[in-house]
Amino acid sequence: MLTLAEETPGDWWEVEALYDLCFAPGREALSSYRLREGVAPVGPLCLTLRDGEGILVGAIRYWPVRVGGQEALLLGPVAIHPTRQGEGLGALLMSESLAIARTMGAARVMLVGDAPYYGRFGFAKLPEVRMPPPTNPERVLGLALRRGAWEGVAGPVERALP
């Protein structure tokens, strides 16, 4: 049995430990982290996934950003404990959180990731959107939660004002 819940302040250290385990040392030096500094995550979209014993097996977070002056959600990180990868748990976190984002009225989501993996959720390259360097532009992907939400949206990705 799995339990999906909104991340609480009490989950923070455990979620951070999972991210440390799943990602390379120095993950906080990535350009995505500069966009998160001093900005609160979007609480209802930050989810944890626990097994029947209450052990954290996955987590996902979202952050507000601006792209060419337009509001967007920056998805990430999303992580699944290495012992539970390949079970579809990442897809579960993605699907559930994107469904919540739609019900919240969000228009667009972006991330930095692998197109073959995220393409199955509808994400596609955003050639007119520029993440801070040194991000590979081929990995900047977006999903319109409302028809045409990315049309005409271009320019640099910037931190949302706190």
C-alpha atoms as a PDB file:
ATOM      1  CA  MET A   1       0.000   0.000   0.000  1.00  0.00           C
ATOM      2  CA  LEU A   2       1.250   3.462  -0.917  1.00  0.00           C
ATOM      3  CA  THR A   3       0.252   6.780   0.621  1.00  0.00           C
ATOM      4  CA  LEU A   4       0.382   9.970  -1.416  1.00  0.00           C
ATOM      5  CA  ALA A   5       0.267  13.208   0.592  1.00  0.00           C
ATOM      6  CA  GLU A   6       1.169  16.862   0.442  1.00  0.00           C
ATOM      7  CA  GLU A   7       4.669  17.421   1.791  1.00  0.00           C
ATOM      8  CA  THR A   8       4.696  18.873   5.313  1.00  0.00           C
ATOM      9  CA  PRO A   9       7.426  20.878   7.072  1.00  0.00           C
ATOM     10  CA  GLY A  10       8.197  17.709   9.062  1.00  0.00           C
ATOM     11  CA  ASP A  11       9.006  15.874   5.807  1.00  0.00           C
ATOM     12  CA  TRP A  12      11.652  18.388   4.706  1.00  0.00           C
ATOM     13  CA  TRP A  13      14.816  16.648   5.972  1.00  0.00           C
ATOM     14  CA  GLU A  14      13.677  13.254   4.763  1.00  0.00           C
ATOM     15  CA  VAL A  15      12.824  14.610   1.312  1.00  0.00           C
ATOM     16  CA  GLU A  16      16.174  16.415   1.126  1.00  0.00           C
ATOM     17  CA  ALA A  17      17.959  13.175   2.053  1.00  0.00           C
ATOM     18  CA  LEU A  18      16.113  11.374  -0.751  1.00  0.00           C
ATOM     19  CA  TYR A  19      17.167  14.065  -3.237  1.00  0.00           C
ATOM     20  CA  ASP A  20      20.769  13.794  -2.018  1.00  0.00           C
ATOM     21  CA  LEU A  21      20.639  10.030  -2.523  1.00  0.00           C
ATOM     22  CA  CYS A  22      19.131  10.218  -6.011  1.00  0.00           C
ATOM     23  CA  PHE A  23      21.091  13.105  -7.491  1.00  0.00           C
ATOM     24  CA  ALA A  24      24.765  13.870  -7.859  1.00  0.00           C
ATOM     25  CA  PRO A  25      26.611  15.796  -5.172  1.00  0.00           C
ATOM     26  CA  GLY A  26      26.385  19.501  -5.828  1.00  0.00           C
ATOM     27  CA  ARG A  27      22.809  19.301  -7.122  1.00  0.00           C
ATOM     28  CA  GLU A  28      22.122  22.680  -5.547  1.00  0.00           C
ATOM     29  CA  ALA A  29      24.628  24.313  -7.919  1.00  0.00           C
ATOM     30  CA  LEU A  30      22.300  23.681 -10.882  1.00  0.00           C
ATOM     31  CA  SER A  31      20.584  26.680 -12.462  1.00  0.00           C
ATOM     32  CA  SER A  32      17.158  25.412 -11.342  1.00  0.00           C
ATOM     33  CA  TYR A  33      18.189  25.914  -7.733  1.00  0.00           C
ATOM     34  CA  ARG A  34      19.052  29.571  -8.350  1.00  0.00           C
ATOM     35  CA  LEU A  35      15.451  30.075  -9.460  1.00  0.00           C
ATOM     36  CA  ARG A  36      14.204  28.584  -6.181  1.00  0.00           C
ATOM     37  CA  GLU A  37      16.304  30.686  -3.786  1.00  0.00           C
ATOM     38  CA  GLY A  38      14.114  32.750  -1.486  1.00  0.00           C
ATOM     39  CA  VAL A  39      10.919  31.485  -3.122  1.00  0.00           C
ATOM     40  CA  ALA A  40       8.470  29.154  -1.398  1.00  0.00           C
ATOM     41  CA  PRO A  41       7.486  25.994  -3.296  1.00  0.00           C
ATOM     42  CA  VAL A  42       3.877  25.536  -4.417  1.00  0.00           C
ATOM     43  CA  GLY A  43       2.675  23.556  -1.394  1.00  0.00           C
ATOM     44  CA  PRO A  44      -0.291  21.642  -2.838  1.00  0.00           C
ATOM     45  CA  LEU A  45       1.935  20.324  -5.656  1.00  0.00           C
ATOM     46  CA  CYS A  46       4.792  19.154  -3.434  1.00  0.00           C
ATOM     47  CA  LEU A  47       3.942  15.529  -2.783  1.00  0.00           C
ATOM     48  CA  THR A  48       5.451  12.641  -0.882  1.00  0.00           C
ATOM     49  CA  LEU A  49       4.915   8.962  -1.541  1.00  0.00           C
ATOM     50  CA  ARG A  50       5.334   6.493   1.340  1.00  0.00           C
ATOM     51  CA  ASP A  51       5.141   2.713   1.499  1.00  0.00           C
ATOM     52  CA  GLY A  52       3.060   0.687   3.951  1.00  0.00           C
ATOM     53  CA  GLU A  53       5.677   1.116   6.693  1.00  0.00           C
ATOM     54  CA  GLY A  54       5.705   4.893   6.238  1.00  0.00           C
ATOM     55  CA  ILE A  55       9.098   4.919   4.508  1.00  0.00           C
ATOM     56  CA  LEU A  56       9.539   7.731   1.990  1.00  0.00           C
ATOM     57  CA  VAL A  57       9.898   6.207  -1.487  1.00  0.00           C
ATOM     58  CA  GLY A  58       9.306   9.279  -3.641  1.00  0.00           C
ATOM     59  CA  ALA A  59       8.867  13.030  -3.700  1.00  0.00           C
ATOM     60  CA  ILE A  60       8.091  15.813  -6.157  1.00  0.00           C
ATOM     61  CA  ARG A  61       8.224  19.590  -5.833  1.00  0.00           C
ATOM     62  CA  TYR A  62       7.068  22.570  -7.922  1.00  0.00           C
ATOM     63  CA  TRP A  63       8.168  26.204  -7.819  1.00  0.00           C
ATOM     64  CA  PRO A  64       6.686  29.388  -9.263  1.00  0.00           C
ATOM     65  CA  VAL A  65       8.757  31.077 -11.984  1.00  0.00           C
ATOM     66  CA  ARG A  66       8.228  33.682 -14.678  1.00  0.00           C
ATOM     67  CA  VAL A  67       8.983  33.201 -18.366  1.00  0.00           C
ATOM     68  CA  GLY A  68       8.957  36.306 -20.488  1.00  0.00           C
ATOM     69  CA  GLY A  69       6.800  37.942 -17.821  1.00  0.00           C
ATOM     70  CA  GLN A  70       4.291  35.068 -17.722  1.00  0.00           C
ATOM     71  CA  GLU A  71       3.669  32.825 -14.716  1.00  0.00           C
ATOM     72  CA  ALA A  72       4.743  29.201 -14.973  1.00  0.00           C
ATOM     73  CA  LEU A  73       5.453  26.264 -12.704  1.00  0.00           C
ATOM     74  CA  LEU A  74       8.944  24.788 -12.552  1.00  0.00           C
ATOM     75  CA  LEU A  75       8.660  21.073 -11.832  1.00  0.00           C
ATOM     76  CA  GLY A  76      11.463  19.465  -9.919  1.00  0.00           C
ATOM     77  CA  PRO A  77      13.050  17.746  -8.428  1.00  0.00           C
ATOM     78  CA  VAL A  78      11.172  14.480  -8.673  1.00  0.00           C
ATOM     79  CA  ALA A  79      12.872  11.450  -7.176  1.00  0.00           C
ATOM     80  CA  ILE A  80      12.158   7.818  -6.430  1.00  0.00           C
ATOM     81  CA  HIS A  81      14.293   5.829  -3.997  1.00  0.00           C
ATOM     82  CA  PRO A  82      16.744   3.664  -5.997  1.00  0.00           C
ATOM     83  CA  THR A  83      15.308   0.455  -4.523  1.00  0.00           C
ATOM     84  CA  ARG A  84      11.832   1.350  -5.865  1.00  0.00           C
ATOM     85  CA  GLN A  85      12.694   2.652  -9.328  1.00  0.00           C
ATOM     86  CA  GLY A  86      11.080   0.945 -12.285  1.00  0.00           C
ATOM     87  CA  GLU A  87       7.756   0.437 -10.502  1.00  0.00           C
ATOM     88  CA  GLY A  88       5.966   3.385 -12.107  1.00  0.00           C
ATOM     89  CA  LEU A  89       6.123   5.501  -8.957  1.00  0.00           C
ATOM     90  CA  GLY A  90       7.659   8.488 -10.755  1.00  0.00           C
ATOM     91  CA  ALA A  91       4.816   8.352 -13.278  1.00  0.00           C
ATOM     92  CA  LEU A  92       2.337   8.256 -10.393  1.00  0.00           C
ATOM     93  CA  LEU A  93       3.851  11.396  -8.817  1.00  0.00           C
ATOM     94  CA  MET A  94       3.920  13.147 -12.190  1.00  0.00           C
ATOM     95  CA  SER A  95       0.328  12.272 -13.092  1.00  0.00           C
ATOM     96  CA  GLU A  96      -1.124  13.113  -9.696  1.00  0.00           C
ATOM     97  CA  SER A  97       0.724  16.407  -9.322  1.00  0.00           C
ATOM     98  CA  LEU A  98      -0.128  17.534 -12.868  1.00  0.00           C
ATOM     99  CA  ALA A  99      -3.798  16.728 -12.215  1.00  0.00           C
ATOM    100  CA  ILE A 100      -3.685  18.895  -9.079  1.00  0.00           C
ATOM    101  CA  ALA A 101      -1.972  21.700 -11.031  1.00  0.00           C
ATOM    102  CA  ARG A 102      -4.812  21.610 -13.575  1.00  0.00           C
ATOM    103  CA  THR A 103      -7.473  21.817 -10.854  1.00  0.00           C
ATOM    104  CA  MET A 104      -5.582  24.778  -9.345  1.00  0.00           C
ATOM    105  CA  GLY A 105      -5.924  26.567 -12.688  1.00  0.00           C
ATOM    106  CA  ALA A 106      -2.228  26.568 -13.600  1.00  0.00           C
ATOM    107  CA  ALA A 107      -1.611  27.261 -17.283  1.00  0.00           C
ATOM    108  CA  ARG A 108       1.882  25.928 -17.939  1.00  0.00           C
ATOM    109  CA  VAL A 109       4.584  23.735 -16.436  1.00  0.00           C
ATOM    110  CA  MET A 110       8.247  23.516 -17.365  1.00  0.00           C
ATOM    111  CA  LEU A 111      11.218  21.434 -16.305  1.00  0.00           C
ATOM    112  CA  VAL A 112      14.772  20.557 -17.219  1.00  0.00           C
ATOM    113  CA  GLY A 113      14.960  16.889 -18.110  1.00  0.00           C
ATOM    114  CA  ASP A 114      15.131  14.095 -20.649  1.00  0.00           C
ATOM    115  CA  ALA A 115      12.648  14.525 -23.502  1.00  0.00           C
ATOM    116  CA  PRO A 116      12.167  10.758 -24.046  1.00  0.00           C
ATOM    117  CA  TYR A 117      11.056  10.260 -20.421  1.00  0.00           C
ATOM    118  CA  TYR A 118       8.948  13.404 -19.955  1.00  0.00           C
ATOM    119  CA  GLY A 119       7.501  13.297 -23.467  1.00  0.00           C
ATOM    120  CA  ARG A 120       5.126  10.538 -22.379  1.00  0.00           C
ATOM    121  CA  PHE A 121       3.465  13.072 -20.059  1.00  0.00           C
ATOM    122  CA  GLY A 122       3.097  15.566 -22.919  1.00  0.00           C
ATOM    123  CA  PHE A 123       6.235  17.638 -22.324  1.00  0.00           C
ATOM    124  CA  ALA A 124       8.008  18.998 -25.402  1.00  0.00           C
ATOM    125  CA  LYS A 125      11.041  21.206 -26.063  1.00  0.00           C
ATOM    126  CA  LEU A 126      10.639  24.924 -25.457  1.00  0.00           C
ATOM    127  CA  PRO A 127      13.080  26.401 -27.971  1.00  0.00           C
ATOM    128  CA  GLU A 128      12.125  30.016 -27.137  1.00  0.00           C
ATOM    129  CA  VAL A 129      12.544  29.624 -23.373  1.00  0.00           C
ATOM    130  CA  ARG A 130      15.981  30.234 -21.864  1.00  0.00           C
ATOM    131  CA  MET A 131      17.022  28.790 -18.523  1.00  0.00           C
ATOM    132  CA  PRO A 132      20.001  30.389 -16.782  1.00  0.00           C
ATOM    133  CA  PRO A 133      23.335  28.895 -17.906  1.00  0.00           C
ATOM    134  CA  PRO A 134      24.774  26.332 -17.991  1.00  0.00           C
ATOM    135  CA  THR A 135      21.485  24.551 -18.790  1.00  0.00           C
ATOM    136  CA  ASN A 136      21.427  22.560 -22.020  1.00  0.00           C
ATOM    137  CA  PRO A 137      18.619  24.161 -24.099  1.00  0.00           C
ATOM    138  CA  GLU A 138      17.657  20.731 -25.475  1.00  0.00           C
ATOM    139  CA  ARG A 139      16.555  19.730 -21.952  1.00  0.00           C
ATOM    140  CA  VAL A 140      14.183  22.682 -21.390  1.00  0.00           C
ATOM    141  CA  LEU A 141      10.708  21.156 -21.702  1.00  0.00           C
ATOM    142  CA  GLY A 142       7.191  22.417 -21.197  1.00  0.00           C
ATOM    143  CA  LEU A 143       3.620  21.228 -20.917  1.00  0.00           C
ATOM    144  CA  ALA A 144       0.544  23.377 -21.578  1.00  0.00           C
ATOM    145  CA  LEU A 145      -2.109  22.626 -18.991  1.00  0.00           C
ATOM    146  CA  ARG A 146      -4.458  24.852 -20.964  1.00  0.00           C
ATOM    147  CA  ARG A 147      -4.624  24.784 -24.749  1.00  0.00           C
ATOM    148  CA  GLY A 148      -2.064  27.184 -26.234  1.00  0.00           C
ATOM    149  CA  ALA A 149      -0.622  28.193 -22.865  1.00  0.00           C
ATOM    150  CA  TRP A 150       2.967  28.198 -24.193  1.00  0.00           C
ATOM    151  CA  GLU A 151       2.115  29.979 -27.473  1.00  0.00           C
ATOM    152  CA  GLY A 152       3.986  33.285 -27.630  1.00  0.00           C
ATOM    153  CA  VAL A 153       5.703  32.687 -24.278  1.00  0.00           C
ATOM    154  CA  ALA A 154       9.411  33.242 -24.777  1.00  0.00           C
ATOM    155  CA  GLY A 155      12.449  34.628 -23.056  1.00  0.00           C
ATOM    156  CA  PRO A 156      14.428  34.017 -19.920  1.00  0.00           C
ATOM    157  CA  VAL A 157      13.172  32.021 -16.961  1.00  0.00           C
ATOM    158  CA  GLU A 158      13.287  34.170 -13.838  1.00  0.00           C
ATOM    159  CA  ARG A 159      12.564  33.728 -10.152  1.00  0.00           C
ATOM    160  CA  ALA A 160       9.057  34.539  -9.093  1.00  0.00           C
ATOM    161  CA  LEU A 161       8.989  37.475  -6.749  1.00  0.00           C
ATOM    162  CA  PRO A 162       8.506  36.343  -3.142  1.00  0.00           C
END
